[in-house]
Amino acid sequence: MEVGDLHKVWEIRALKRKPEEPAARALLNRVAKQVQPIMRRRKWRVKVLSEFSPKNPRLLGLNVNRGVEVKLRLRRDGRDLDFIPYEEVLDTMLHELAHNARGPHDAQFYKLWDELRKTELIL
């Protein structure tokens, strides 16, 4: 195994209690695949990329312990069959990945997030 293979998303988990679980899993896989080059270049890892459905409708993502788990909201609040557009989910993933390097939402964090958005040519 190459060292580059270590810097990726290791496991995907969609919510099984929600309808369209295969579609949610496919969306998470697509996001993981698209950000893998970024993760490889920056030597970042995410042990588990999972779907979550928090009570706070404005919460779109969460990074637990710098990549032990990244949780993403994939569906509109209260509408389980209405998935958030891919580009928005991807942007949330970039936001959460930035937390692998920088915890607080300060100027350095936003600079890194902007760099991920622009220089990586993803969005």
PDB file of N, CA and C in Angstrom:
ATOM      1  N   MET A   1       0.839  -1.180   0.000  1.00  0.00           N
ATOM      2  CA  MET A   1       0.000   0.000   0.000  1.00  0.00           C
ATOM      3  C   MET A   1       0.887   1.248   0.000  1.00  0.00           C
ATOM      4  N   GLU A   2       0.548   2.223  -0.824  1.00  0.00           N
ATOM      5  CA  GLU A   2       1.280   3.479  -0.859  1.00  0.00           C
ATOM      6  C   GLU A   2       0.862   4.361   0.302  1.00  0.00           C
ATOM      7  N   VAL A   3       1.785   5.211   0.758  1.00  0.00           N
ATOM      8  CA  VAL A   3       1.472   6.123   1.849  1.00  0.00           C
ATOM      9  C   VAL A   3       0.288   7.009   1.482  1.00  0.00           C
ATOM     10  N   GLY A   4       0.181   7.408   0.212  1.00  0.00           N
ATOM     11  CA  GLY A   4      -0.929   8.241  -0.229  1.00  0.00           C
ATOM     12  C   GLY A   4      -2.286   7.610   0.001  1.00  0.00           C
ATOM     13  N   ASP A   5      -2.319   6.277   0.051  1.00  0.00           N
ATOM     14  CA  ASP A   5      -3.560   5.569   0.280  1.00  0.00           C
ATOM     15  C   ASP A   5      -4.085   5.758   1.700  1.00  0.00           C
ATOM     16  N   LEU A   6      -3.247   6.192   2.610  1.00  0.00           N
ATOM     17  CA  LEU A   6      -3.665   6.398   3.999  1.00  0.00           C
ATOM     18  C   LEU A   6      -4.508   7.656   4.170  1.00  0.00           C
ATOM     19  N   HIS A   7      -4.338   8.605   3.291  1.00  0.00           N
ATOM     20  CA  HIS A   7      -4.978   9.913   3.420  1.00  0.00           C
ATOM     21  C   HIS A   7      -6.253   9.953   2.597  1.00  0.00           C
ATOM     22  N   LYS A   8      -7.326   9.500   3.240  1.00  0.00           N
ATOM     23  CA  LYS A   8      -8.603   9.372   2.560  1.00  0.00           C
ATOM     24  C   LYS A   8      -9.713   9.225   3.592  1.00  0.00           C
ATOM     25  N   VAL A   9     -10.922   9.022   3.119  1.00  0.00           N
ATOM     26  CA  VAL A   9     -12.050   8.640   3.968  1.00  0.00           C
ATOM     27  C   VAL A   9     -12.025   7.114   4.060  1.00  0.00           C
ATOM     28  N   TRP A  10     -12.032   6.604   5.268  1.00  0.00           N
ATOM     29  CA  TRP A  10     -11.890   5.161   5.471  1.00  0.00           C
ATOM     30  C   TRP A  10     -13.226   4.425   5.486  1.00  0.00           C
ATOM     31  N   GLU A  11     -14.267   5.072   5.969  1.00  0.00           N
ATOM     32  CA  GLU A  11     -15.552   4.387   6.091  1.00  0.00           C
ATOM     33  C   GLU A  11     -16.684   5.367   5.823  1.00  0.00           C
ATOM     34  N   ILE A  12     -17.742   4.882   5.191  1.00  0.00           N
ATOM     35  CA  ILE A  12     -18.928   5.681   4.862  1.00  0.00           C
ATOM     36  C   ILE A  12     -20.120   5.090   5.611  1.00  0.00           C
ATOM     37  N   ARG A  13     -20.921   5.975   6.229  1.00  0.00           N
ATOM     38  CA  ARG A  13     -22.132   5.522   6.925  1.00  0.00           C
ATOM     39  C   ARG A  13     -23.297   6.458   6.617  1.00  0.00           C
ATOM     40  N   ALA A  14     -24.298   5.925   5.955  1.00  0.00           N
ATOM     41  CA  ALA A  14     -25.545   6.669   5.740  1.00  0.00           C
ATOM     42  C   ALA A  14     -26.529   6.244   6.825  1.00  0.00           C
ATOM     43  N   LEU A  15     -27.520   7.088   7.076  1.00  0.00           N
ATOM     44  CA  LEU A  15     -28.530   6.762   8.085  1.00  0.00           C
ATOM     45  C   LEU A  15     -29.449   5.657   7.554  1.00  0.00           C
ATOM     46  N   LYS A  16     -29.501   4.563   8.260  1.00  0.00           N
ATOM     47  CA  LYS A  16     -30.319   3.425   7.816  1.00  0.00           C
ATOM     48  C   LYS A  16     -31.803   3.646   8.091  1.00  0.00           C
ATOM     49  N   ARG A  17     -32.128   4.510   9.039  1.00  0.00           N
ATOM     50  CA  ARG A  17     -33.532   4.734   9.385  1.00  0.00           C
ATOM     51  C   ARG A  17     -34.236   5.697   8.424  1.00  0.00           C
ATOM     52  N   LYS A  18     -33.486   6.275   7.505  1.00  0.00           N
ATOM     53  CA  LYS A  18     -34.053   7.221   6.542  1.00  0.00           C
ATOM     54  C   LYS A  18     -34.319   6.522   5.209  1.00  0.00           C
ATOM     55  N   PRO A  19     -35.330   7.012   4.461  1.00  0.00           N
ATOM     56  CA  PRO A  19     -35.551   6.442   3.123  1.00  0.00           C
ATOM     57  C   PRO A  19     -34.395   6.815   2.189  1.00  0.00           C
ATOM     58  N   GLU A  20     -34.276   6.082   1.112  1.00  0.00           N
ATOM     59  CA  GLU A  20     -33.240   6.350   0.097  1.00  0.00           C
ATOM     60  C   GLU A  20     -31.819   6.255   0.672  1.00  0.00           C
ATOM     61  N   GLU A  21     -31.603   5.284   1.548  1.00  0.00           N
ATOM     62  CA  GLU A  21     -30.277   5.097   2.136  1.00  0.00           C
ATOM     63  C   GLU A  21     -29.213   4.841   1.064  1.00  0.00           C
ATOM     64  N   PRO A  22     -29.500   4.064   0.011  1.00  0.00           N
ATOM     65  CA  PRO A  22     -28.478   3.882  -1.035  1.00  0.00           C
ATOM     66  C   PRO A  22     -28.095   5.194  -1.728  1.00  0.00           C
ATOM     67  N   ALA A  23     -29.052   6.097  -1.926  1.00  0.00           N
ATOM     68  CA  ALA A  23     -28.752   7.396  -2.541  1.00  0.00           C
ATOM     69  C   ALA A  23     -27.874   8.233  -1.614  1.00  0.00           C
ATOM     70  N   ALA A  24     -28.145   8.180  -0.321  1.00  0.00           N
ATOM     71  CA  ALA A  24     -27.327   8.917   0.651  1.00  0.00           C
ATOM     72  C   ALA A  24     -25.905   8.363   0.667  1.00  0.00           C
ATOM     73  N   ARG A  25     -25.788   7.051   0.659  1.00  0.00           N
ATOM     74  CA  ARG A  25     -24.459   6.416   0.641  1.00  0.00           C
ATOM     75  C   ARG A  25     -23.695   6.801  -0.632  1.00  0.00           C
ATOM     76  N   ALA A  26     -24.384   6.820  -1.763  1.00  0.00           N
ATOM     77  CA  ALA A  26     -23.749   7.199  -3.034  1.00  0.00           C
ATOM     78  C   ALA A  26     -23.273   8.642  -2.992  1.00  0.00           C
ATOM     79  N   LEU A  27     -24.052   9.526  -2.392  1.00  0.00           N
ATOM     80  CA  LEU A  27     -23.662  10.933  -2.273  1.00  0.00           C
ATOM     81  C   LEU A  27     -22.411  11.068  -1.410  1.00  0.00           C
ATOM     82  N   LEU A  28     -22.371  10.366  -0.287  1.00  0.00           N
ATOM     83  CA  LEU A  28     -21.185  10.399   0.575  1.00  0.00           C
ATOM     84  C   LEU A  28     -19.959   9.837  -0.147  1.00  0.00           C
ATOM     85  N   ASN A  29     -20.141   8.757  -0.891  1.00  0.00           N
ATOM     86  CA  ASN A  29     -19.023   8.183  -1.655  1.00  0.00           C
ATOM     87  C   ASN A  29     -18.502   9.155  -2.704  1.00  0.00           C
ATOM     88  N   ARG A  30     -19.413   9.850  -3.369  1.00  0.00           N
ATOM     89  CA  ARG A  30     -19.015  10.823  -4.394  1.00  0.00           C
ATOM     90  C   ARG A  30     -18.203  11.961  -3.778  1.00  0.00           C
ATOM     91  N   VAL A  31     -18.662  12.466  -2.633  1.00  0.00           N
ATOM     92  CA  VAL A  31     -17.932  13.533  -1.933  1.00  0.00           C
ATOM     93  C   VAL A  31     -16.557  13.027  -1.520  1.00  0.00           C
ATOM     94  N   ALA A  32     -16.502  11.838  -0.928  1.00  0.00           N
ATOM     95  CA  ALA A  32     -15.225  11.284  -0.463  1.00  0.00           C
ATOM     96  C   ALA A  32     -14.239  11.135  -1.615  1.00  0.00           C
ATOM     97  N   LYS A  33     -14.723  10.658  -2.743  1.00  0.00           N
ATOM     98  CA  LYS A  33     -13.856  10.484  -3.905  1.00  0.00           C
ATOM     99  C   LYS A  33     -13.340  11.821  -4.426  1.00  0.00           C
ATOM    100  N   GLN A  34     -14.201  12.830  -4.427  1.00  0.00           N
ATOM    101  CA  GLN A  34     -13.792  14.124  -4.972  1.00  0.00           C
ATOM    102  C   GLN A  34     -12.765  14.830  -4.088  1.00  0.00           C
ATOM    103  N   VAL A  35     -12.855  14.669  -2.779  1.00  0.00           N
ATOM    104  CA  VAL A  35     -11.907  15.363  -1.896  1.00  0.00           C
ATOM    105  C   VAL A  35     -10.643  14.554  -1.622  1.00  0.00           C
ATOM    106  N   GLN A  36     -10.572  13.324  -2.103  1.00  0.00           N
ATOM    107  CA  GLN A  36      -9.398  12.506  -1.819  1.00  0.00           C
ATOM    108  C   GLN A  36      -8.084  13.141  -2.282  1.00  0.00           C
ATOM    109  N   PRO A  37      -8.016  13.767  -3.469  1.00  0.00           N
ATOM    110  CA  PRO A  37      -6.738  14.410  -3.839  1.00  0.00           C
ATOM    111  C   PRO A  37      -6.316  15.508  -2.847  1.00  0.00           C
ATOM    112  N   ILE A  38      -7.265  16.250  -2.341  1.00  0.00           N
ATOM    113  CA  ILE A  38      -6.966  17.282  -1.333  1.00  0.00           C
ATOM    114  C   ILE A  38      -6.411  16.611  -0.082  1.00  0.00           C
ATOM    115  N   MET A  39      -7.079  15.559   0.347  1.00  0.00           N
ATOM    116  CA  MET A  39      -6.668  14.867   1.564  1.00  0.00           C
ATOM    117  C   MET A  39      -5.277  14.273   1.404  1.00  0.00           C
ATOM    118  N   ARG A  40      -5.002  13.737   0.241  1.00  0.00           N
ATOM    119  CA  ARG A  40      -3.679  13.149  -0.010  1.00  0.00           C
ATOM    120  C   ARG A  40      -2.599  14.235   0.037  1.00  0.00           C
ATOM    121  N   ARG A  41      -2.848  15.366  -0.649  1.00  0.00           N
ATOM    122  CA  ARG A  41      -1.851  16.450  -0.671  1.00  0.00           C
ATOM    123  C   ARG A  41      -1.596  17.029   0.713  1.00  0.00           C
ATOM    124  N   ARG A  42      -2.637  17.122   1.512  1.00  0.00           N
ATOM    125  CA  ARG A  42      -2.508  17.760   2.823  1.00  0.00           C
ATOM    126  C   ARG A  42      -2.294  16.761   3.961  1.00  0.00           C
ATOM    127  N   LYS A  43      -2.250  15.469   3.591  1.00  0.00           N
ATOM    128  CA  LYS A  43      -2.033  14.405   4.572  1.00  0.00           C
ATOM    129  C   LYS A  43      -3.123  14.391   5.652  1.00  0.00           C
ATOM    130  N   TRP A  44      -4.366  14.552   5.202  1.00  0.00           N
ATOM    131  CA  TRP A  44      -5.520  14.499   6.102  1.00  0.00           C
ATOM    132  C   TRP A  44      -6.195  13.144   5.971  1.00  0.00           C
ATOM    133  N   ARG A  45      -6.809  12.713   7.065  1.00  0.00           N
ATOM    134  CA  ARG A  45      -7.566  11.463   7.089  1.00  0.00           C
ATOM    135  C   ARG A  45      -8.919  11.713   7.734  1.00  0.00           C
ATOM    136  N   VAL A  46      -9.889  10.957   7.292  1.00  0.00           N
ATOM    137  CA  VAL A  46     -11.195  10.927   7.942  1.00  0.00           C
ATOM    138  C   VAL A  46     -11.522   9.461   8.158  1.00  0.00           C
ATOM    139  N   LYS A  47     -11.634   9.080   9.412  1.00  0.00           N
ATOM    140  CA  LYS A  47     -11.920   7.683   9.716  1.00  0.00           C
ATOM    141  C   LYS A  47     -13.330   7.308   9.265  1.00  0.00           C
ATOM    142  N   VAL A  48     -14.322   8.144   9.602  1.00  0.00           N
ATOM    143  CA  VAL A  48     -15.715   7.858   9.239  1.00  0.00           C
ATOM    144  C   VAL A  48     -16.345   9.127   8.663  1.00  0.00           C
ATOM    145  N   LEU A  49     -16.933   9.005   7.490  1.00  0.00           N
ATOM    146  CA  LEU A  49     -17.752  10.060   6.901  1.00  0.00           C
ATOM    147  C   LEU A  49     -19.185   9.573   7.007  1.00  0.00           C
ATOM    148  N   SER A  50     -20.009  10.323   7.747  1.00  0.00           N
ATOM    149  CA  SER A  50     -21.361   9.844   8.003  1.00  0.00           C
ATOM    150  C   SER A  50     -22.404  10.915   7.741  1.00  0.00           C
ATOM    151  N   GLU A  51     -23.588  10.425   7.466  1.00  0.00           N
ATOM    152  CA  GLU A  51     -24.760  11.295   7.358  1.00  0.00           C
ATOM    153  C   GLU A  51     -25.293  11.514   8.765  1.00  0.00           C
ATOM    154  N   PHE A  52     -25.745  12.748   9.034  1.00  0.00           N
ATOM    155  CA  PHE A  52     -26.432  12.977  10.295  1.00  0.00           C
ATOM    156  C   PHE A  52     -27.616  13.901  10.074  1.00  0.00           C
ATOM    157  N   SER A  53     -28.491  13.894  11.055  1.00  0.00           N
ATOM    158  CA  SER A  53     -29.724  14.680  10.987  1.00  0.00           C
ATOM    159  C   SER A  53     -29.897  15.397  12.326  1.00  0.00           C
ATOM    160  N   PRO A  54     -29.144  16.473  12.533  1.00  0.00           N
ATOM    161  CA  PRO A  54     -29.198  17.161  13.831  1.00  0.00           C
ATOM    162  C   PRO A  54     -30.515  17.910  14.029  1.00  0.00           C
ATOM    163  N   LYS A  55     -30.845  18.163  15.283  1.00  0.00           N
ATOM    164  CA  LYS A  55     -32.069  18.911  15.601  1.00  0.00           C
ATOM    165  C   LYS A  55     -31.991  20.357  15.118  1.00  0.00           C
ATOM    166  N   ASN A  56     -30.796  20.940  15.155  1.00  0.00           N
ATOM    167  CA  ASN A  56     -30.607  22.316  14.696  1.00  0.00           C
ATOM    168  C   ASN A  56     -30.649  22.326  13.167  1.00  0.00           C
ATOM    169  N   PRO A  57     -31.681  22.947  12.565  1.00  0.00           N
ATOM    170  CA  PRO A  57     -31.803  22.916  11.099  1.00  0.00           C
ATOM    171  C   PRO A  57     -30.706  23.688  10.365  1.00  0.00           C
ATOM    172  N   ARG A  58     -29.968  24.541  11.080  1.00  0.00           N
ATOM    173  CA  ARG A  58     -28.906  25.309  10.432  1.00  0.00           C
ATOM    174  C   ARG A  58     -27.559  24.601  10.460  1.00  0.00           C
ATOM    175  N   LEU A  59     -27.452  23.535  11.241  1.00  0.00           N
ATOM    176  CA  LEU A  59     -26.190  22.803  11.343  1.00  0.00           C
ATOM    177  C   LEU A  59     -26.048  21.872  10.139  1.00  0.00           C
ATOM    178  N   LEU A  60     -25.016  22.100   9.339  1.00  0.00           N
ATOM    179  CA  LEU A  60     -24.816  21.341   8.101  1.00  0.00           C
ATOM    180  C   LEU A  60     -23.723  20.286   8.202  1.00  0.00           C
ATOM    181  N   GLY A  61     -22.808  20.457   9.157  1.00  0.00           N
ATOM    182  CA  GLY A  61     -21.709  19.512   9.282  1.00  0.00           C
ATOM    183  C   GLY A  61     -21.040  19.609  10.627  1.00  0.00           C
ATOM    184  N   LEU A  62     -20.214  18.609  10.910  1.00  0.00           N
ATOM    185  CA  LEU A  62     -19.505  18.550  12.175  1.00  0.00           C
ATOM    186  C   LEU A  62     -18.248  17.711  11.974  1.00  0.00           C
ATOM    187  N   ASN A  63     -17.133  18.196  12.471  1.00  0.00           N
ATOM    188  CA  ASN A  63     -15.882  17.455  12.436  1.00  0.00           C
ATOM    189  C   ASN A  63     -15.537  17.089  13.875  1.00  0.00           C
ATOM    190  N   VAL A  64     -15.483  15.797  14.160  1.00  0.00           N
ATOM    191  CA  VAL A  64     -15.206  15.303  15.501  1.00  0.00           C
ATOM    192  C   VAL A  64     -13.735  14.931  15.599  1.00  0.00           C
ATOM    193  N   ASN A  65     -13.016  15.588  16.484  1.00  0.00           N
ATOM    194  CA  ASN A  65     -11.609  15.280  16.773  1.00  0.00           C
ATOM    195  C   ASN A  65     -10.714  15.276  15.536  1.00  0.00           C
ATOM    196  N   ARG A  66     -10.825  16.332  14.743  1.00  0.00           N
ATOM    197  CA  ARG A  66      -9.946  16.522  13.575  1.00  0.00           C
ATOM    198  C   ARG A  66      -9.933  15.334  12.624  1.00  0.00           C
ATOM    199  N   GLY A  67     -11.128  14.852  12.304  1.00  0.00           N
ATOM    200  CA  GLY A  67     -11.233  13.832  11.284  1.00  0.00           C
ATOM    201  C   GLY A  67     -11.514  12.425  11.764  1.00  0.00           C
ATOM    202  N   VAL A  68     -11.664  12.229  13.069  1.00  0.00           N
ATOM    203  CA  VAL A  68     -12.076  10.900  13.524  1.00  0.00           C
ATOM    204  C   VAL A  68     -13.428  10.581  12.895  1.00  0.00           C
ATOM    205  N   GLU A  69     -14.316  11.586  12.877  1.00  0.00           N
ATOM    206  CA  GLU A  69     -15.570  11.448  12.158  1.00  0.00           C
ATOM    207  C   GLU A  69     -15.982  12.811  11.622  1.00  0.00           C
ATOM    208  N   VAL A  70     -16.413  12.833  10.374  1.00  0.00           N
ATOM    209  CA  VAL A  70     -17.014  14.019   9.775  1.00  0.00           C
ATOM    210  C   VAL A  70     -18.461  13.655   9.481  1.00  0.00           C
ATOM    211  N   LYS A  71     -19.373  14.484   9.987  1.00  0.00           N
ATOM    212  CA  LYS A  71     -20.803  14.254   9.812  1.00  0.00           C
ATOM    213  C   LYS A  71     -21.357  15.340   8.897  1.00  0.00           C
ATOM    214  N   LEU A  72     -22.156  14.927   7.920  1.00  0.00           N
ATOM    215  CA  LEU A  72     -22.736  15.872   6.970  1.00  0.00           C
ATOM    216  C   LEU A  72     -24.250  15.717   6.915  1.00  0.00           C
ATOM    217  N   ARG A  73     -24.944  16.851   6.875  1.00  0.00           N
ATOM    218  CA  ARG A  73     -26.393  16.829   6.623  1.00  0.00           C
ATOM    219  C   ARG A  73     -26.575  16.681   5.112  1.00  0.00           C
ATOM    220  N   LEU A  74     -27.343  15.691   4.703  1.00  0.00           N
ATOM    221  CA  LEU A  74     -27.574  15.437   3.284  1.00  0.00           C
ATOM    222  C   LEU A  74     -28.985  15.804   2.843  1.00  0.00           C
ATOM    223  N   ARG A  75     -29.904  15.964   3.807  1.00  0.00           N
ATOM    224  CA  ARG A  75     -31.319  16.177   3.479  1.00  0.00           C
ATOM    225  C   ARG A  75     -31.825  17.454   4.122  1.00  0.00           C
ATOM    226  N   ARG A  76     -32.799  18.062   3.484  1.00  0.00           N
ATOM    227  CA  ARG A  76     -33.432  19.262   4.038  1.00  0.00           C
ATOM    228  C   ARG A  76     -34.134  18.896   5.344  1.00  0.00           C
ATOM    229  N   ASP A  77     -34.156  19.825   6.257  1.00  0.00           N
ATOM    230  CA  ASP A  77     -34.762  19.592   7.564  1.00  0.00           C
ATOM    231  C   ASP A  77     -36.233  19.199   7.424  1.00  0.00           C
ATOM    232  N   GLY A  78     -36.576  18.041   7.974  1.00  0.00           N
ATOM    233  CA  GLY A  78     -37.952  17.576   7.977  1.00  0.00           C
ATOM    234  C   GLY A  78     -38.448  17.023   6.653  1.00  0.00           C
ATOM    235  N   ARG A  79     -37.552  16.937   5.652  1.00  0.00           N
ATOM    236  CA  ARG A  79     -37.952  16.425   4.325  1.00  0.00           C
ATOM    237  C   ARG A  79     -36.935  15.360   3.899  1.00  0.00           C
ATOM    238  N   ASP A  80     -37.167  14.153   4.333  1.00  0.00           N
ATOM    239  CA  ASP A  80     -36.204  13.065   4.141  1.00  0.00           C
ATOM    240  C   ASP A  80     -35.939  12.701   2.691  1.00  0.00           C
ATOM    241  N   LEU A  81     -36.846  13.035   1.798  1.00  0.00           N
ATOM    242  CA  LEU A  81     -36.646  12.694   0.379  1.00  0.00           C
ATOM    243  C   LEU A  81     -36.058  13.860  -0.419  1.00  0.00           C
ATOM    244  N   ASP A  82     -35.812  14.978   0.234  1.00  0.00           N
ATOM    245  CA  ASP A  82     -35.307  16.184  -0.429  1.00  0.00           C
ATOM    246  C   ASP A  82     -33.825  16.368  -0.083  1.00  0.00           C
ATOM    247  N   PHE A  83     -32.959  15.860  -0.959  1.00  0.00           N
ATOM    248  CA  PHE A  83     -31.521  15.956  -0.712  1.00  0.00           C
ATOM    249  C   PHE A  83     -31.004  17.359  -1.011  1.00  0.00           C
ATOM    250  N   ILE A  84     -30.058  17.795  -0.218  1.00  0.00           N
ATOM    251  CA  ILE A  84     -29.370  19.068  -0.431  1.00  0.00           C
ATOM    252  C   ILE A  84     -28.524  18.908  -1.700  1.00  0.00           C
ATOM    253  N   PRO A  85     -28.435  19.942  -2.543  1.00  0.00           N
ATOM    254  CA  PRO A  85     -27.636  19.822  -3.778  1.00  0.00           C
ATOM    255  C   PRO A  85     -26.182  19.414  -3.489  1.00  0.00           C
ATOM    256  N   TYR A  86     -25.639  18.617  -4.387  1.00  0.00           N
ATOM    257  CA  TYR A  86     -24.285  18.078  -4.237  1.00  0.00           C
ATOM    258  C   TYR A  86     -23.250  19.167  -3.946  1.00  0.00           C
ATOM    259  N   GLU A  87     -23.294  20.266  -4.680  1.00  0.00           N
ATOM    260  CA  GLU A  87     -22.296  21.327  -4.510  1.00  0.00           C
ATOM    261  C   GLU A  87     -22.312  21.896  -3.091  1.00  0.00           C
ATOM    262  N   GLU A  88     -23.485  21.971  -2.489  1.00  0.00           N
ATOM    263  CA  GLU A  88     -23.590  22.475  -1.112  1.00  0.00           C
ATOM    264  C   GLU A  88     -23.024  21.466  -0.120  1.00  0.00           C
ATOM    265  N   VAL A  89     -23.301  20.186  -0.341  1.00  0.00           N
ATOM    266  CA  VAL A  89     -22.759  19.139   0.530  1.00  0.00           C
ATOM    267  C   VAL A  89     -21.235  19.112   0.396  1.00  0.00           C
ATOM    268  N   LEU A  90     -20.733  19.241  -0.814  1.00  0.00           N
ATOM    269  CA  LEU A  90     -19.290  19.261  -1.048  1.00  0.00           C
ATOM    270  C   LEU A  90     -18.647  20.459  -0.348  1.00  0.00           C
ATOM    271  N   ASP A  91     -19.273  21.613  -0.419  1.00  0.00           N
ATOM    272  CA  ASP A  91     -18.737  22.796   0.250  1.00  0.00           C
ATOM    273  C   ASP A  91     -18.705  22.596   1.765  1.00  0.00           C
ATOM    274  N   THR A  92     -19.728  21.960   2.301  1.00  0.00           N
ATOM    275  CA  THR A  92     -19.732  21.651   3.737  1.00  0.00           C
ATOM    276  C   THR A  92     -18.591  20.695   4.069  1.00  0.00           C
ATOM    277  N   MET A  93     -18.347  19.720   3.206  1.00  0.00           N
ATOM    278  CA  MET A  93     -17.233  18.792   3.434  1.00  0.00           C
ATOM    279  C   MET A  93     -15.905  19.546   3.447  1.00  0.00           C
ATOM    280  N   LEU A  94     -15.720  20.479   2.525  1.00  0.00           N
ATOM    281  CA  LEU A  94     -14.486  21.278   2.519  1.00  0.00           C
ATOM    282  C   LEU A  94     -14.354  22.077   3.812  1.00  0.00           C
ATOM    283  N   HIS A  95     -15.467  22.623   4.270  1.00  0.00           N
ATOM    284  CA  HIS A  95     -15.483  23.359   5.547  1.00  0.00           C
ATOM    285  C   HIS A  95     -15.025  22.437   6.681  1.00  0.00           C
ATOM    286  N   GLU A  96     -15.609  21.253   6.719  1.00  0.00           N
ATOM    287  CA  GLU A  96     -15.261  20.322   7.793  1.00  0.00           C
ATOM    288  C   GLU A  96     -13.821  19.830   7.670  1.00  0.00           C
ATOM    289  N   LEU A  97     -13.343  19.615   6.465  1.00  0.00           N
ATOM    290  CA  LEU A  97     -11.947  19.225   6.289  1.00  0.00           C
ATOM    291  C   LEU A  97     -10.993  20.317   6.769  1.00  0.00           C
ATOM    292  N   ALA A  98     -11.368  21.567   6.569  1.00  0.00           N
ATOM    293  CA  ALA A  98     -10.525  22.670   7.050  1.00  0.00           C
ATOM    294  C   ALA A  98     -10.324  22.568   8.566  1.00  0.00           C
ATOM    295  N   HIS A  99     -11.306  22.003   9.253  1.00  0.00           N
ATOM    296  CA  HIS A  99     -11.172  21.817  10.704  1.00  0.00           C
ATOM    297  C   HIS A  99     -10.130  20.753  11.061  1.00  0.00           C
ATOM    298  N   ASN A 100      -9.700  19.940  10.109  1.00  0.00           N
ATOM    299  CA  ASN A 100      -8.602  19.019  10.392  1.00  0.00           C
ATOM    300  C   ASN A 100      -7.320  19.786  10.699  1.00  0.00           C
ATOM    301  N   ALA A 101      -7.196  20.976  10.127  1.00  0.00           N
ATOM    302  CA  ALA A 101      -5.995  21.791  10.329  1.00  0.00           C
ATOM    303  C   ALA A 101      -6.220  22.936  11.308  1.00  0.00           C
ATOM    304  N   ARG A 102      -7.450  23.440  11.377  1.00  0.00           N
ATOM    305  CA  ARG A 102      -7.731  24.640  12.181  1.00  0.00           C
ATOM    306  C   ARG A 102      -9.089  24.494  12.859  1.00  0.00           C
ATOM    307  N   GLY A 103      -9.107  24.535  14.172  1.00  0.00           N
ATOM    308  CA  GLY A 103     -10.350  24.345  14.918  1.00  0.00           C
ATOM    309  C   GLY A 103     -11.296  25.533  14.901  1.00  0.00           C
ATOM    310  N   PRO A 104     -10.848  26.685  15.408  1.00  0.00           N
ATOM    311  CA  PRO A 104     -11.787  27.800  15.547  1.00  0.00           C
ATOM    312  C   PRO A 104     -12.133  28.458  14.207  1.00  0.00           C
ATOM    313  N   HIS A 105     -13.309  29.036  14.167  1.00  0.00           N
ATOM    314  CA  HIS A 105     -13.743  29.803  12.987  1.00  0.00           C
ATOM    315  C   HIS A 105     -13.126  31.204  13.067  1.00  0.00           C
ATOM    316  N   ASP A 106     -11.859  31.285  12.766  1.00  0.00           N
ATOM    317  CA  ASP A 106     -11.158  32.558  12.790  1.00  0.00           C
ATOM    318  C   ASP A 106     -10.666  32.888  11.382  1.00  0.00           C
ATOM    319  N   ALA A 107      -9.901  33.955  11.255  1.00  0.00           N
ATOM    320  CA  ALA A 107      -9.433  34.392   9.939  1.00  0.00           C
ATOM    321  C   ALA A 107      -8.592  33.308   9.253  1.00  0.00           C
ATOM    322  N   GLN A 108      -7.753  32.606  10.004  1.00  0.00           N
ATOM    323  CA  GLN A 108      -6.926  31.541   9.417  1.00  0.00           C
ATOM    324  C   GLN A 108      -7.796  30.414   8.863  1.00  0.00           C
ATOM    325  N   PHE A 109      -8.843  30.068   9.618  1.00  0.00           N
ATOM    326  CA  PHE A 109      -9.757  29.016   9.172  1.00  0.00           C
ATOM    327  C   PHE A 109     -10.417  29.411   7.861  1.00  0.00           C
ATOM    328  N   TYR A 110     -10.989  30.626   7.802  1.00  0.00           N
ATOM    329  CA  TYR A 110     -11.695  31.049   6.594  1.00  0.00           C
ATOM    330  C   TYR A 110     -10.749  31.195   5.402  1.00  0.00           C
ATOM    331  N   LYS A 111      -9.509  31.574   5.671  1.00  0.00           N
ATOM    332  CA  LYS A 111      -8.518  31.646   4.596  1.00  0.00           C
ATOM    333  C   LYS A 111      -8.255  30.243   4.028  1.00  0.00           C
ATOM    334  N   LEU A 112      -8.111  29.268   4.911  1.00  0.00           N
ATOM    335  CA  LEU A 112      -7.882  27.888   4.471  1.00  0.00           C
ATOM    336  C   LEU A 112      -9.090  27.364   3.697  1.00  0.00           C
ATOM    337  N   TRP A 113     -10.304  27.601   4.204  1.00  0.00           N
ATOM    338  CA  TRP A 113     -11.513  27.134   3.521  1.00  0.00           C
ATOM    339  C   TRP A 113     -11.601  27.741   2.125  1.00  0.00           C
ATOM    340  N   ASP A 114     -11.331  29.044   2.024  1.00  0.00           N
ATOM    341  CA  ASP A 114     -11.331  29.698   0.705  1.00  0.00           C
ATOM    342  C   ASP A 114     -10.278  29.090  -0.214  1.00  0.00           C
ATOM    343  N   GLU A 115      -9.114  28.780   0.342  1.00  0.00           N
ATOM    344  CA  GLU A 115      -8.045  28.163  -0.448  1.00  0.00           C
ATOM    345  C   GLU A 115      -8.493  26.795  -0.973  1.00  0.00           C
ATOM    346  N   LEU A 116      -9.139  26.018  -0.127  1.00  0.00           N
ATOM    347  CA  LEU A 116      -9.643  24.703  -0.549  1.00  0.00           C
ATOM    348  C   LEU A 116     -10.669  24.865  -1.664  1.00  0.00           C
ATOM    349  N   ARG A 117     -11.514  25.855  -1.537  1.00  0.00           N
ATOM    350  CA  ARG A 117     -12.545  26.104  -2.561  1.00  0.00           C
ATOM    351  C   ARG A 117     -11.933  26.558  -3.882  1.00  0.00           C
ATOM    352  N   LYS A 118     -10.968  27.445  -3.829  1.00  0.00           N
ATOM    353  CA  LYS A 118     -10.449  28.082  -5.056  1.00  0.00           C
ATOM    354  C   LYS A 118      -9.302  27.299  -5.685  1.00  0.00           C
ATOM    355  N   THR A 119      -8.277  27.032  -4.926  1.00  0.00           N
ATOM    356  CA  THR A 119      -7.076  26.440  -5.534  1.00  0.00           C
ATOM    357  C   THR A 119      -7.265  24.978  -5.885  1.00  0.00           C
ATOM    358  N   GLU A 120      -8.181  24.308  -5.237  1.00  0.00           N
ATOM    359  CA  GLU A 120      -8.399  22.896  -5.535  1.00  0.00           C
ATOM    360  C   GLU A 120      -9.376  22.722  -6.696  1.00  0.00           C
ATOM    361  N   LEU A 121      -9.949  23.822  -7.167  1.00  0.00           N
ATOM    362  CA  LEU A 121     -10.837  23.829  -8.332  1.00  0.00           C
ATOM    363  C   LEU A 121     -11.963  22.800  -8.233  1.00  0.00           C
ATOM    364  N   ILE A 122     -12.563  22.740  -7.064  1.00  0.00           N
ATOM    365  CA  ILE A 122     -13.648  21.784  -6.863  1.00  0.00           C
ATOM    366  C   ILE A 122     -15.000  22.441  -7.088  1.00  0.00           C
ATOM    367  N   LEU A 123     -15.169  23.643  -6.591  1.00  0.00           N
ATOM    368  CA  LEU A 123     -16.485  24.293  -6.712  1.00  0.00           C
ATOM    369  C   LEU A 123     -16.489  25.301  -7.834  1.00  0.00           C
TER     370      LEU A 123
END
